[in-house]
Amino acid sequence: MKHFAKSFLTGVFIFLFVSGLLAQAPDTLWTKIFGGTESDIGKSVQQTLDNGYIIAGLTASFGAGFWDVYLIKTDSLGDTLWTKTYGGIYADGGRSVAQTFDGGYIIGGVLFY
């Protein structure tokens, strides 16, 4: 039984090693940095119907409070089309975003006291 376990683990290791060698690196369409001079965190990215992207997260760089919901809309190349912040004096954060059927966006988030 010991020999079987050792042979099995060796086989799994070899399979994973060879699979890793044969795998192709993913294509990067573009790389961008969003945000300001303070801490900003992206939590959710979704492709939109116009082939752009909508990004939701938290920002300490912009908005009304210490942390606010941060929404960024980009075109297909990652260039910013618009940004929005939502929140008040407490810490707010966007955790999820999706495009709605009418072309708007819905954000799920959290309020920290």
PDB file of N, CA and C in Angstrom:
ATOM      1  N   MET A   1       0.818  -1.188   0.000  1.00  0.00           N
ATOM      2  CA  MET A   1       0.000   0.000   0.000  1.00  0.00           C
ATOM      3  C   MET A   1       0.869   1.262   0.000  1.00  0.00           C
ATOM      4  N   LYS A   2       2.010   1.216   0.740  1.00  0.00           N
ATOM      5  CA  LYS A   2       2.921   2.348   0.769  1.00  0.00           C
ATOM      6  C   LYS A   2       3.478   2.639  -0.617  1.00  0.00           C
ATOM      7  N   HIS A   3       3.850   1.581  -1.321  1.00  0.00           N
ATOM      8  CA  HIS A   3       4.417   1.725  -2.659  1.00  0.00           C
ATOM      9  C   HIS A   3       3.394   2.374  -3.605  1.00  0.00           C
ATOM     10  N   PHE A   4       2.131   1.949  -3.502  1.00  0.00           N
ATOM     11  CA  PHE A   4       1.084   2.520  -4.361  1.00  0.00           C
ATOM     12  C   PHE A   4       0.922   4.013  -4.092  1.00  0.00           C
ATOM     13  N   ALA A   5       0.882   4.409  -2.831  1.00  0.00           N
ATOM     14  CA  ALA A   5       0.707   5.820  -2.470  1.00  0.00           C
ATOM     15  C   ALA A   5       1.876   6.654  -2.991  1.00  0.00           C
ATOM     16  N   LYS A   6       3.102   6.136  -2.831  1.00  0.00           N
ATOM     17  CA  LYS A   6       4.286   6.852  -3.300  1.00  0.00           C
ATOM     18  C   LYS A   6       4.267   6.980  -4.820  1.00  0.00           C
ATOM     19  N   SER A   7       3.907   5.897  -5.518  1.00  0.00           N
ATOM     20  CA  SER A   7       3.829   5.925  -6.986  1.00  0.00           C
ATOM     21  C   SER A   7       2.737   6.870  -7.455  1.00  0.00           C
ATOM     22  N   PHE A   8       1.600   6.866  -6.757  1.00  0.00           N
ATOM     23  CA  PHE A   8       0.481   7.734  -7.120  1.00  0.00           C
ATOM     24  C   PHE A   8       0.874   9.201  -6.976  1.00  0.00           C
ATOM     25  N   LEU A   9       1.478   9.559  -5.848  1.00  0.00           N
ATOM     26  CA  LEU A   9       1.896  10.944  -5.625  1.00  0.00           C
ATOM     27  C   LEU A   9       2.960  11.369  -6.621  1.00  0.00           C
ATOM     28  N   THR A  10       3.875  10.465  -6.954  1.00  0.00           N
ATOM     29  CA  THR A  10       4.890  10.772  -7.965  1.00  0.00           C
ATOM     30  C   THR A  10       4.231  11.021  -9.316  1.00  0.00           C
ATOM     31  N   GLY A  11       3.247  10.198  -9.663  1.00  0.00           N
ATOM     32  CA  GLY A  11       2.524  10.366 -10.919  1.00  0.00           C
ATOM     33  C   GLY A  11       1.765  11.685 -10.969  1.00  0.00           C
ATOM     34  N   VAL A  12       1.131  12.061  -9.858  1.00  0.00           N
ATOM     35  CA  VAL A  12       0.402  13.332  -9.801  1.00  0.00           C
ATOM     36  C   VAL A  12       1.371  14.494  -9.964  1.00  0.00           C
ATOM     37  N   PHE A  13       2.516  14.435  -9.277  1.00  0.00           N
ATOM     38  CA  PHE A  13       3.512  15.491  -9.381  1.00  0.00           C
ATOM     39  C   PHE A  13       4.001  15.643 -10.825  1.00  0.00           C
ATOM     40  N   ILE A  14       4.317  14.531 -11.464  1.00  0.00           N
ATOM     41  CA  ILE A  14       4.799  14.577 -12.853  1.00  0.00           C
ATOM     42  C   ILE A  14       3.725  15.149 -13.766  1.00  0.00           C
ATOM     43  N   PHE A  15       2.474  14.733 -13.572  1.00  0.00           N
ATOM     44  CA  PHE A  15       1.377  15.243 -14.389  1.00  0.00           C
ATOM     45  C   PHE A  15       1.239  16.757 -14.227  1.00  0.00           C
ATOM     46  N   LEU A  16       1.259  17.238 -12.984  1.00  0.00           N
ATOM     47  CA  LEU A  16       1.124  18.672 -12.744  1.00  0.00           C
ATOM     48  C   LEU A  16       2.315  19.436 -13.300  1.00  0.00           C
ATOM     49  N   PHE A  17       3.510  18.879 -13.169  1.00  0.00           N
ATOM     50  CA  PHE A  17       4.697  19.535 -13.677  1.00  0.00           C
ATOM     51  C   PHE A  17       4.650  19.652 -15.200  1.00  0.00           C
ATOM     52  N   VAL A  18       4.329  18.555 -15.883  1.00  0.00           N
ATOM     53  CA  VAL A  18       4.254  18.562 -17.347  1.00  0.00           C
ATOM     54  C   VAL A  18       3.109  19.455 -17.816  1.00  0.00           C
ATOM     55  N   SER A  19       1.963  19.407 -17.130  1.00  0.00           N
ATOM     56  CA  SER A  19       0.832  20.264 -17.497  1.00  0.00           C
ATOM     57  C   SER A  19       1.217  21.725 -17.396  1.00  0.00           C
ATOM     58  N   GLY A  20       1.990  22.060 -16.343  1.00  0.00           N
ATOM     59  CA  GLY A  20       2.439  23.438 -16.176  1.00  0.00           C
ATOM     60  C   GLY A  20       3.389  23.875 -17.287  1.00  0.00           C
ATOM     61  N   LEU A  21       4.224  22.963 -17.757  1.00  0.00           N
ATOM     62  CA  LEU A  21       5.145  23.284 -18.844  1.00  0.00           C
ATOM     63  C   LEU A  21       4.420  23.488 -20.163  1.00  0.00           C
ATOM     64  N   LEU A  22       3.361  22.721 -20.379  1.00  0.00           N
ATOM     65  CA  LEU A  22       2.641  22.802 -21.642  1.00  0.00           C
ATOM     66  C   LEU A  22       1.605  23.918 -21.686  1.00  0.00           C
ATOM     67  N   ALA A  23       1.230  24.440 -20.523  1.00  0.00           N
ATOM     68  CA  ALA A  23       0.206  25.485 -20.475  1.00  0.00           C
ATOM     69  C   ALA A  23       0.758  26.763 -21.084  1.00  0.00           C
ATOM     70  N   GLN A  24      -0.095  27.469 -21.806  1.00  0.00           N
ATOM     71  CA  GLN A  24       0.294  28.738 -22.391  1.00  0.00           C
ATOM     72  C   GLN A  24      -0.016  29.856 -21.409  1.00  0.00           C
ATOM     73  N   ALA A  25       0.799  30.872 -21.426  1.00  0.00           N
ATOM     74  CA  ALA A  25       0.549  32.038 -20.583  1.00  0.00           C
ATOM     75  C   ALA A  25      -0.701  32.763 -21.108  1.00  0.00           C
ATOM     76  N   PRO A  26      -1.524  33.302 -20.214  1.00  0.00           N
ATOM     77  CA  PRO A  26      -2.722  34.014 -20.668  1.00  0.00           C
ATOM     78  C   PRO A  26      -2.338  35.302 -21.381  1.00  0.00           C
ATOM     79  N   ASP A  27      -3.173  35.700 -22.325  1.00  0.00           N
ATOM     80  CA  ASP A  27      -2.960  36.960 -23.029  1.00  0.00           C
ATOM     81  C   ASP A  27      -3.429  38.103 -22.143  1.00  0.00           C
ATOM     82  N   THR A  28      -2.654  39.167 -22.090  1.00  0.00           N
ATOM     83  CA  THR A  28      -3.042  40.367 -21.358  1.00  0.00           C
ATOM     84  C   THR A  28      -3.530  41.378 -22.380  1.00  0.00           C
ATOM     85  N   LEU A  29      -4.787  41.789 -22.242  1.00  0.00           N
ATOM     86  CA  LEU A  29      -5.340  42.769 -23.166  1.00  0.00           C
ATOM     87  C   LEU A  29      -4.818  44.160 -22.863  1.00  0.00           C
ATOM     88  N   TRP A  30      -4.773  44.519 -21.584  1.00  0.00           N
ATOM     89  CA  TRP A  30      -4.259  45.806 -21.164  1.00  0.00           C
ATOM     90  C   TRP A  30      -4.042  45.785 -19.660  1.00  0.00           C
ATOM     91  N   THR A  31      -3.239  46.703 -19.204  1.00  0.00           N
ATOM     92  CA  THR A  31      -2.972  46.865 -17.781  1.00  0.00           C
ATOM     93  C   THR A  31      -3.118  48.336 -17.444  1.00  0.00           C
ATOM     94  N   LYS A  32      -3.918  48.657 -16.436  1.00  0.00           N
ATOM     95  CA  LYS A  32      -4.142  50.047 -16.028  1.00  0.00           C
ATOM     96  C   LYS A  32      -4.111  50.141 -14.515  1.00  0.00           C
ATOM     97  N   ILE A  33      -3.814  51.311 -14.018  1.00  0.00           N
ATOM     98  CA  ILE A  33      -3.892  51.606 -12.597  1.00  0.00           C
ATOM     99  C   ILE A  33      -4.977  52.659 -12.412  1.00  0.00           C
ATOM    100  N   PHE A  34      -5.898  52.379 -11.482  1.00  0.00           N
ATOM    101  CA  PHE A  34      -6.992  53.300 -11.194  1.00  0.00           C
ATOM    102  C   PHE A  34      -6.868  53.776  -9.755  1.00  0.00           C
ATOM    103  N   GLY A  35      -7.361  54.959  -9.485  1.00  0.00           N
ATOM    104  CA  GLY A  35      -7.373  55.464  -8.123  1.00  0.00           C
ATOM    105  C   GLY A  35      -6.563  56.730  -7.987  1.00  0.00           C
ATOM    106  N   GLY A  36      -6.393  57.129  -6.732  1.00  0.00           N
ATOM    107  CA  GLY A  36      -5.703  58.378  -6.439  1.00  0.00           C
ATOM    108  C   GLY A  36      -4.490  58.162  -5.564  1.00  0.00           C
ATOM    109  N   THR A  37      -4.244  59.134  -4.687  1.00  0.00           N
ATOM    110  CA  THR A  37      -3.038  59.114  -3.871  1.00  0.00           C
ATOM    111  C   THR A  37      -3.193  58.322  -2.578  1.00  0.00           C
ATOM    112  N   GLU A  38      -4.406  57.999  -2.185  1.00  0.00           N
ATOM    113  CA  GLU A  38      -4.655  57.221  -0.976  1.00  0.00           C
ATOM    114  C   GLU A  38      -4.927  55.765  -1.355  1.00  0.00           C
ATOM    115  N   SER A  39      -5.402  54.991  -0.406  1.00  0.00           N
ATOM    116  CA  SER A  39      -5.688  53.575  -0.663  1.00  0.00           C
ATOM    117  C   SER A  39      -6.986  53.416  -1.453  1.00  0.00           C
ATOM    118  N   ASP A  40      -6.954  52.632  -2.489  1.00  0.00           N
ATOM    119  CA  ASP A  40      -8.119  52.319  -3.316  1.00  0.00           C
ATOM    120  C   ASP A  40      -8.062  50.825  -3.609  1.00  0.00           C
ATOM    121  N   ILE A  41      -9.211  50.152  -3.494  1.00  0.00           N
ATOM    122  CA  ILE A  41      -9.238  48.697  -3.630  1.00  0.00           C
ATOM    123  C   ILE A  41     -10.337  48.300  -4.597  1.00  0.00           C
ATOM    124  N   GLY A  42     -10.006  47.535  -5.621  1.00  0.00           N
ATOM    125  CA  GLY A  42     -10.996  46.960  -6.525  1.00  0.00           C
ATOM    126  C   GLY A  42     -11.463  45.618  -5.993  1.00  0.00           C
ATOM    127  N   LYS A  43     -12.776  45.394  -5.992  1.00  0.00           N
ATOM    128  CA  LYS A  43     -13.335  44.147  -5.477  1.00  0.00           C
ATOM    129  C   LYS A  43     -14.060  43.336  -6.543  1.00  0.00           C
ATOM    130  N   SER A  44     -14.560  43.985  -7.587  1.00  0.00           N
ATOM    131  CA  SER A  44     -15.353  43.271  -8.590  1.00  0.00           C
ATOM    132  C   SER A  44     -15.169  43.930  -9.950  1.00  0.00           C
ATOM    133  N   VAL A  45     -14.976  43.105 -10.972  1.00  0.00           N
ATOM    134  CA  VAL A  45     -14.859  43.590 -12.351  1.00  0.00           C
ATOM    135  C   VAL A  45     -15.781  42.751 -13.218  1.00  0.00           C
ATOM    136  N   GLN A  46     -16.580  43.400 -14.035  1.00  0.00           N
ATOM    137  CA  GLN A  46     -17.473  42.709 -14.960  1.00  0.00           C
ATOM    138  C   GLN A  46     -17.369  43.357 -16.328  1.00  0.00           C
ATOM    139  N   GLN A  47     -17.418  42.550 -17.370  1.00  0.00           N
ATOM    140  CA  GLN A  47     -17.463  43.103 -18.714  1.00  0.00           C
ATOM    141  C   GLN A  47     -18.882  43.586 -18.985  1.00  0.00           C
ATOM    142  N   THR A  48     -19.008  44.722 -19.640  1.00  0.00           N
ATOM    143  CA  THR A  48     -20.310  45.324 -19.919  1.00  0.00           C
ATOM    144  C   THR A  48     -20.762  45.023 -21.346  1.00  0.00           C
ATOM    145  N   LEU A  49     -22.014  45.343 -21.625  1.00  0.00           N
ATOM    146  CA  LEU A  49     -22.586  45.031 -22.937  1.00  0.00           C
ATOM    147  C   LEU A  49     -21.876  45.739 -24.082  1.00  0.00           C
ATOM    148  N   ASP A  50     -21.224  46.878 -23.795  1.00  0.00           N
ATOM    149  CA  ASP A  50     -20.497  47.612 -24.837  1.00  0.00           C
ATOM    150  C   ASP A  50     -19.027  47.173 -24.931  1.00  0.00           C
ATOM    151  N   ASN A  51     -18.702  46.010 -24.335  1.00  0.00           N
ATOM    152  CA  ASN A  51     -17.352  45.435 -24.312  1.00  0.00           C
ATOM    153  C   ASN A  51     -16.372  46.208 -23.439  1.00  0.00           C
ATOM    154  N   GLY A  52     -16.865  47.164 -22.670  1.00  0.00           N
ATOM    155  CA  GLY A  52     -16.040  47.837 -21.676  1.00  0.00           C
ATOM    156  C   GLY A  52     -16.088  47.044 -20.380  1.00  0.00           C
ATOM    157  N   TYR A  53     -15.713  47.716 -19.299  1.00  0.00           N
ATOM    158  CA  TYR A  53     -15.689  47.070 -17.988  1.00  0.00           C
ATOM    159  C   TYR A  53     -16.262  48.001 -16.935  1.00  0.00           C
ATOM    160  N   ILE A  54     -16.870  47.419 -15.929  1.00  0.00           N
ATOM    161  CA  ILE A  54     -17.341  48.160 -14.765  1.00  0.00           C
ATOM    162  C   ILE A  54     -16.611  47.574 -13.558  1.00  0.00           C
ATOM    163  N   ILE A  55     -16.037  48.440 -12.741  1.00  0.00           N
ATOM    164  CA  ILE A  55     -15.226  48.025 -11.600  1.00  0.00           C
ATOM    165  C   ILE A  55     -15.830  48.643 -10.343  1.00  0.00           C
ATOM    166  N   ALA A  56     -16.022  47.837  -9.323  1.00  0.00           N
ATOM    167  CA  ALA A  56     -16.529  48.339  -8.041  1.00  0.00           C
ATOM    168  C   ALA A  56     -15.518  48.033  -6.954  1.00  0.00           C
ATOM    169  N   GLY A  57     -15.440  48.932  -5.987  1.00  0.00           N
ATOM    170  CA  GLY A  57     -14.532  48.727  -4.872  1.00  0.00           C
ATOM    171  C   GLY A  57     -14.682  49.807  -3.832  1.00  0.00           C
ATOM    172  N   LEU A  58     -13.568  50.151  -3.210  1.00  0.00           N
ATOM    173  CA  LEU A  58     -13.530  51.142  -2.145  1.00  0.00           C
ATOM    174  C   LEU A  58     -12.475  52.190  -2.477  1.00  0.00           C
ATOM    175  N   THR A  59     -12.709  53.426  -2.043  1.00  0.00           N
ATOM    176  CA  THR A  59     -11.720  54.472  -2.241  1.00  0.00           C
ATOM    177  C   THR A  59     -11.559  55.303  -0.983  1.00  0.00           C
ATOM    178  N   ALA A  60     -10.321  55.615  -0.664  1.00  0.00           N
ATOM    179  CA  ALA A  60     -10.009  56.591   0.371  1.00  0.00           C
ATOM    180  C   ALA A  60      -9.473  57.865  -0.290  1.00  0.00           C
ATOM    181  N   SER A  61      -9.323  57.841  -1.608  1.00  0.00           N
ATOM    182  CA  SER A  61      -8.809  58.995  -2.338  1.00  0.00           C
ATOM    183  C   SER A  61      -9.900  59.996  -2.707  1.00  0.00           C
ATOM    184  N   PHE A  62     -11.113  59.503  -2.910  1.00  0.00           N
ATOM    185  CA  PHE A  62     -12.203  60.346  -3.393  1.00  0.00           C
ATOM    186  C   PHE A  62     -13.442  60.110  -2.531  1.00  0.00           C
ATOM    187  N   GLY A  63     -14.432  60.984  -2.649  1.00  0.00           N
ATOM    188  CA  GLY A  63     -15.698  60.760  -1.972  1.00  0.00           C
ATOM    189  C   GLY A  63     -15.898  61.619  -0.737  1.00  0.00           C
ATOM    190  N   ALA A  64     -16.956  61.294   0.015  1.00  0.00           N
ATOM    191  CA  ALA A  64     -17.381  62.115   1.146  1.00  0.00           C
ATOM    192  C   ALA A  64     -16.823  61.660   2.480  1.00  0.00           C
ATOM    193  N   GLY A  65     -16.442  60.405   2.594  1.00  0.00           N
ATOM    194  CA  GLY A  65     -16.003  59.873   3.879  1.00  0.00           C
ATOM    195  C   GLY A  65     -14.610  59.305   3.803  1.00  0.00           C
ATOM    196  N   PHE A  66     -14.245  58.583   4.873  1.00  0.00           N
ATOM    197  CA  PHE A  66     -12.913  57.968   4.899  1.00  0.00           C
ATOM    198  C   PHE A  66     -12.803  56.899   3.824  1.00  0.00           C
ATOM    199  N   TRP A  67     -13.790  56.010   3.737  1.00  0.00           N
ATOM    200  CA  TRP A  67     -13.882  55.027   2.658  1.00  0.00           C
ATOM    201  C   TRP A  67     -15.249  55.200   2.003  1.00  0.00           C
ATOM    202  N   ASP A  68     -15.304  55.157   0.700  1.00  0.00           N
ATOM    203  CA  ASP A  68     -16.566  55.236  -0.031  1.00  0.00           C
ATOM    204  C   ASP A  68     -16.586  54.189  -1.140  1.00  0.00           C
ATOM    205  N   VAL A  69     -17.794  53.851  -1.586  1.00  0.00           N
ATOM    206  CA  VAL A  69     -17.942  52.961  -2.736  1.00  0.00           C
ATOM    207  C   VAL A  69     -17.339  53.669  -3.943  1.00  0.00           C
ATOM    208  N   TYR A  70     -16.565  52.948  -4.715  1.00  0.00           N
ATOM    209  CA  TYR A  70     -15.884  53.505  -5.890  1.00  0.00           C
ATOM    210  C   TYR A  70     -16.316  52.701  -7.100  1.00  0.00           C
ATOM    211  N   LEU A  71     -16.902  53.373  -8.081  1.00  0.00           N
ATOM    212  CA  LEU A  71     -17.377  52.738  -9.308  1.00  0.00           C
ATOM    213  C   LEU A  71     -16.644  53.366 -10.479  1.00  0.00           C
ATOM    214  N   ILE A  72     -16.033  52.530 -11.323  1.00  0.00           N
ATOM    215  CA  ILE A  72     -15.270  53.006 -12.478  1.00  0.00           C
ATOM    216  C   ILE A  72     -15.817  52.329 -13.723  1.00  0.00           C
ATOM    217  N   LYS A  73     -16.109  53.097 -14.756  1.00  0.00           N
ATOM    218  CA  LYS A  73     -16.543  52.556 -16.046  1.00  0.00           C
ATOM    219  C   LYS A  73     -15.438  52.820 -17.051  1.00  0.00           C
ATOM    220  N   THR A  74     -15.016  51.759 -17.750  1.00  0.00           N
ATOM    221  CA  THR A  74     -13.968  51.902 -18.761  1.00  0.00           C
ATOM    222  C   THR A  74     -14.491  51.464 -20.131  1.00  0.00           C
ATOM    223  N   ASP A  75     -13.752  51.837 -21.151  1.00  0.00           N
ATOM    224  CA  ASP A  75     -14.040  51.304 -22.482  1.00  0.00           C
ATOM    225  C   ASP A  75     -13.322  49.961 -22.631  1.00  0.00           C
ATOM    226  N   SER A  76     -13.342  49.407 -23.822  1.00  0.00           N
ATOM    227  CA  SER A  76     -12.754  48.077 -24.040  1.00  0.00           C
ATOM    228  C   SER A  76     -11.238  48.059 -23.887  1.00  0.00           C
ATOM    229  N   LEU A  77     -10.585  49.230 -23.952  1.00  0.00           N
ATOM    230  CA  LEU A  77      -9.133  49.319 -23.799  1.00  0.00           C
ATOM    231  C   LEU A  77      -8.720  49.674 -22.379  1.00  0.00           C
ATOM    232  N   GLY A  78      -9.701  49.803 -21.483  1.00  0.00           N
ATOM    233  CA  GLY A  78      -9.396  50.121 -20.096  1.00  0.00           C
ATOM    234  C   GLY A  78      -9.281  51.597 -19.797  1.00  0.00           C
ATOM    235  N   ASP A  79      -9.587  52.447 -20.789  1.00  0.00           N
ATOM    236  CA  ASP A  79      -9.549  53.888 -20.551  1.00  0.00           C
ATOM    237  C   ASP A  79     -10.802  54.301 -19.782  1.00  0.00           C
ATOM    238  N   THR A  80     -10.625  55.120 -18.755  1.00  0.00           N
ATOM    239  CA  THR A  80     -11.729  55.537 -17.898  1.00  0.00           C
ATOM    240  C   THR A  80     -12.717  56.414 -18.662  1.00  0.00           C
ATOM    241  N   LEU A  81     -14.000  56.022 -18.632  1.00  0.00           N
ATOM    242  CA  LEU A  81     -15.065  56.828 -19.212  1.00  0.00           C
ATOM    243  C   LEU A  81     -15.698  57.719 -18.151  1.00  0.00           C
ATOM    244  N   TRP A  82     -15.909  57.171 -16.957  1.00  0.00           N
ATOM    245  CA  TRP A  82     -16.421  57.940 -15.824  1.00  0.00           C
ATOM    246  C   TRP A  82     -16.171  57.204 -14.520  1.00  0.00           C
ATOM    247  N   THR A  83     -16.226  57.948 -13.426  1.00  0.00           N
ATOM    248  CA  THR A  83     -16.115  57.371 -12.093  1.00  0.00           C
ATOM    249  C   THR A  83     -17.211  57.964 -11.225  1.00  0.00           C
ATOM    250  N   LYS A  84     -17.659  57.207 -10.236  1.00  0.00           N
ATOM    251  CA  LYS A  84     -18.669  57.656  -9.278  1.00  0.00           C
ATOM    252  C   LYS A  84     -18.251  57.185  -7.898  1.00  0.00           C
ATOM    253  N   THR A  85     -18.574  57.961  -6.882  1.00  0.00           N
ATOM    254  CA  THR A  85     -18.407  57.520  -5.502  1.00  0.00           C
ATOM    255  C   THR A  85     -19.753  57.626  -4.807  1.00  0.00           C
ATOM    256  N   TYR A  86     -19.984  56.724  -3.869  1.00  0.00           N
ATOM    257  CA  TYR A  86     -21.223  56.697  -3.093  1.00  0.00           C
ATOM    258  C   TYR A  86     -20.851  56.461  -1.643  1.00  0.00           C
ATOM    259  N   GLY A  87     -21.488  57.206  -0.758  1.00  0.00           N
ATOM    260  CA  GLY A  87     -21.245  56.992   0.654  1.00  0.00           C
ATOM    261  C   GLY A  87     -21.385  58.274   1.444  1.00  0.00           C
ATOM    262  N   GLY A  88     -21.271  58.125   2.735  1.00  0.00           N
ATOM    263  CA  GLY A  88     -21.404  59.251   3.641  1.00  0.00           C
ATOM    264  C   GLY A  88     -20.211  59.331   4.562  1.00  0.00           C
ATOM    265  N   ILE A  89     -20.477  59.716   5.816  1.00  0.00           N
ATOM    266  CA  ILE A  89     -19.382  59.920   6.759  1.00  0.00           C
ATOM    267  C   ILE A  89     -18.793  58.617   7.284  1.00  0.00           C
ATOM    268  N   TYR A  90     -19.551  57.530   7.201  1.00  0.00           N
ATOM    269  CA  TYR A  90     -19.037  56.234   7.632  1.00  0.00           C
ATOM    270  C   TYR A  90     -18.290  55.565   6.476  1.00  0.00           C
ATOM    271  N   ALA A  91     -17.610  54.496   6.782  1.00  0.00           N
ATOM    272  CA  ALA A  91     -16.868  53.763   5.756  1.00  0.00           C
ATOM    273  C   ALA A  91     -17.820  52.867   4.967  1.00  0.00           C
ATOM    274  N   ASP A  92     -17.845  53.044   3.659  1.00  0.00           N
ATOM    275  CA  ASP A  92     -18.693  52.274   2.755  1.00  0.00           C
ATOM    276  C   ASP A  92     -17.794  51.591   1.735  1.00  0.00           C
ATOM    277  N   GLY A  93     -18.206  50.419   1.274  1.00  0.00           N
ATOM    278  CA  GLY A  93     -17.393  49.736   0.284  1.00  0.00           C
ATOM    279  C   GLY A  93     -18.223  48.939  -0.693  1.00  0.00           C
ATOM    280  N   GLY A  94     -17.897  49.011  -1.964  1.00  0.00           N
ATOM    281  CA  GLY A  94     -18.531  48.189  -2.989  1.00  0.00           C
ATOM    282  C   GLY A  94     -17.859  46.828  -3.035  1.00  0.00           C
ATOM    283  N   ARG A  95     -18.653  45.770  -3.038  1.00  0.00           N
ATOM    284  CA  ARG A  95     -18.106  44.414  -3.075  1.00  0.00           C
ATOM    285  C   ARG A  95     -18.408  43.691  -4.381  1.00  0.00           C
ATOM    286  N   SER A  96     -19.490  44.080  -5.044  1.00  0.00           N
ATOM    287  CA  SER A  96     -19.908  43.385  -6.265  1.00  0.00           C
ATOM    288  C   SER A  96     -20.656  44.364  -7.155  1.00  0.00           C
ATOM    289  N   VAL A  97     -20.542  44.176  -8.462  1.00  0.00           N
ATOM    290  CA  VAL A  97     -21.253  45.034  -9.405  1.00  0.00           C
ATOM    291  C   VAL A  97     -21.705  44.190 -10.589  1.00  0.00           C
ATOM    292  N   ALA A  98     -22.849  44.530 -11.142  1.00  0.00           N
ATOM    293  CA  ALA A  98     -23.364  43.848 -12.333  1.00  0.00           C
ATOM    294  C   ALA A  98     -24.150  44.850 -13.161  1.00  0.00           C
ATOM    295  N   GLN A  99     -24.174  44.631 -14.453  1.00  0.00           N
ATOM    296  CA  GLN A  99     -24.977  45.465 -15.338  1.00  0.00           C
ATOM    297  C   GLN A  99     -26.393  44.925 -15.353  1.00  0.00           C
ATOM    298  N   THR A 100     -27.366  45.840 -15.308  1.00  0.00           N
ATOM    299  CA  THR A 100     -28.769  45.450 -15.327  1.00  0.00           C
ATOM    300  C   THR A 100     -29.276  45.433 -16.769  1.00  0.00           C
ATOM    301  N   PHE A 101     -30.465  44.859 -16.961  1.00  0.00           N
ATOM    302  CA  PHE A 101     -31.020  44.734 -18.309  1.00  0.00           C
ATOM    303  C   PHE A 101     -31.286  46.083 -18.971  1.00  0.00           C
ATOM    304  N   ASP A 102     -31.524  47.126 -18.178  1.00  0.00           N
ATOM    305  CA  ASP A 102     -31.791  48.448 -18.746  1.00  0.00           C
ATOM    306  C   ASP A 102     -30.522  49.256 -19.000  1.00  0.00           C
ATOM    307  N   GLY A 103     -29.342  48.641 -18.813  1.00  0.00           N
ATOM    308  CA  GLY A 103     -28.074  49.312 -19.079  1.00  0.00           C
ATOM    309  C   GLY A 103     -27.476  49.996 -17.866  1.00  0.00           C
ATOM    310  N   GLY A 104     -28.187  49.984 -16.742  1.00  0.00           N
ATOM    311  CA  GLY A 104     -27.648  50.558 -15.513  1.00  0.00           C
ATOM    312  C   GLY A 104     -26.769  49.553 -14.792  1.00  0.00           C
ATOM    313  N   TYR A 105     -26.448  49.862 -13.552  1.00  0.00           N
ATOM    314  CA  TYR A 105     -25.587  48.998 -12.762  1.00  0.00           C
ATOM    315  C   TYR A 105     -26.159  48.828 -11.366  1.00  0.00           C
ATOM    316  N   ILE A 106     -25.964  47.678 -10.808  1.00  0.00           N
ATOM    317  CA  ILE A 106     -26.373  47.396  -9.439  1.00  0.00           C
ATOM    318  C   ILE A 106     -25.119  47.038  -8.641  1.00  0.00           C
ATOM    319  N   ILE A 107     -25.008  47.632  -7.448  1.00  0.00           N
ATOM    320  CA  ILE A 107     -23.824  47.445  -6.620  1.00  0.00           C
ATOM    321  C   ILE A 107     -24.231  46.797  -5.309  1.00  0.00           C
ATOM    322  N   GLY A 108     -23.497  45.772  -4.920  1.00  0.00           N
ATOM    323  CA  GLY A 108     -23.636  45.195  -3.583  1.00  0.00           C
ATOM    324  C   GLY A 108     -22.464  45.665  -2.760  1.00  0.00           C
ATOM    325  N   GLY A 109     -22.732  46.045  -1.523  1.00  0.00           N
ATOM    326  CA  GLY A 109     -21.635  46.578  -0.721  1.00  0.00           C
ATOM    327  C   GLY A 109     -21.837  46.374   0.751  1.00  0.00           C
ATOM    328  N   VAL A 110     -21.067  47.135   1.511  1.00  0.00           N
ATOM    329  CA  VAL A 110     -21.069  47.016   2.963  1.00  0.00           C
ATOM    330  C   VAL A 110     -20.869  48.400   3.568  1.00  0.00           C
ATOM    331  N   LEU A 111     -21.477  48.595   4.746  1.00  0.00           N
ATOM    332  CA  LEU A 111     -21.313  49.815   5.522  1.00  0.00           C
ATOM    333  C   LEU A 111     -20.601  49.450   6.815  1.00  0.00           C
ATOM    334  N   PHE A 112     -19.469  50.083   7.073  1.00  0.00           N
ATOM    335  CA  PHE A 112     -18.703  49.847   8.310  1.00  0.00           C
ATOM    336  C   PHE A 112     -18.973  51.003   9.259  1.00  0.00           C
ATOM    337  N   TYR A 113     -19.320  50.707  10.508  1.00  0.00           N
ATOM    338  CA  TYR A 113     -19.519  51.764  11.507  1.00  0.00           C
ATOM    339  C   TYR A 113     -18.251  52.033  12.242  1.00  0.00           C
TER     340      TYR A 113
END
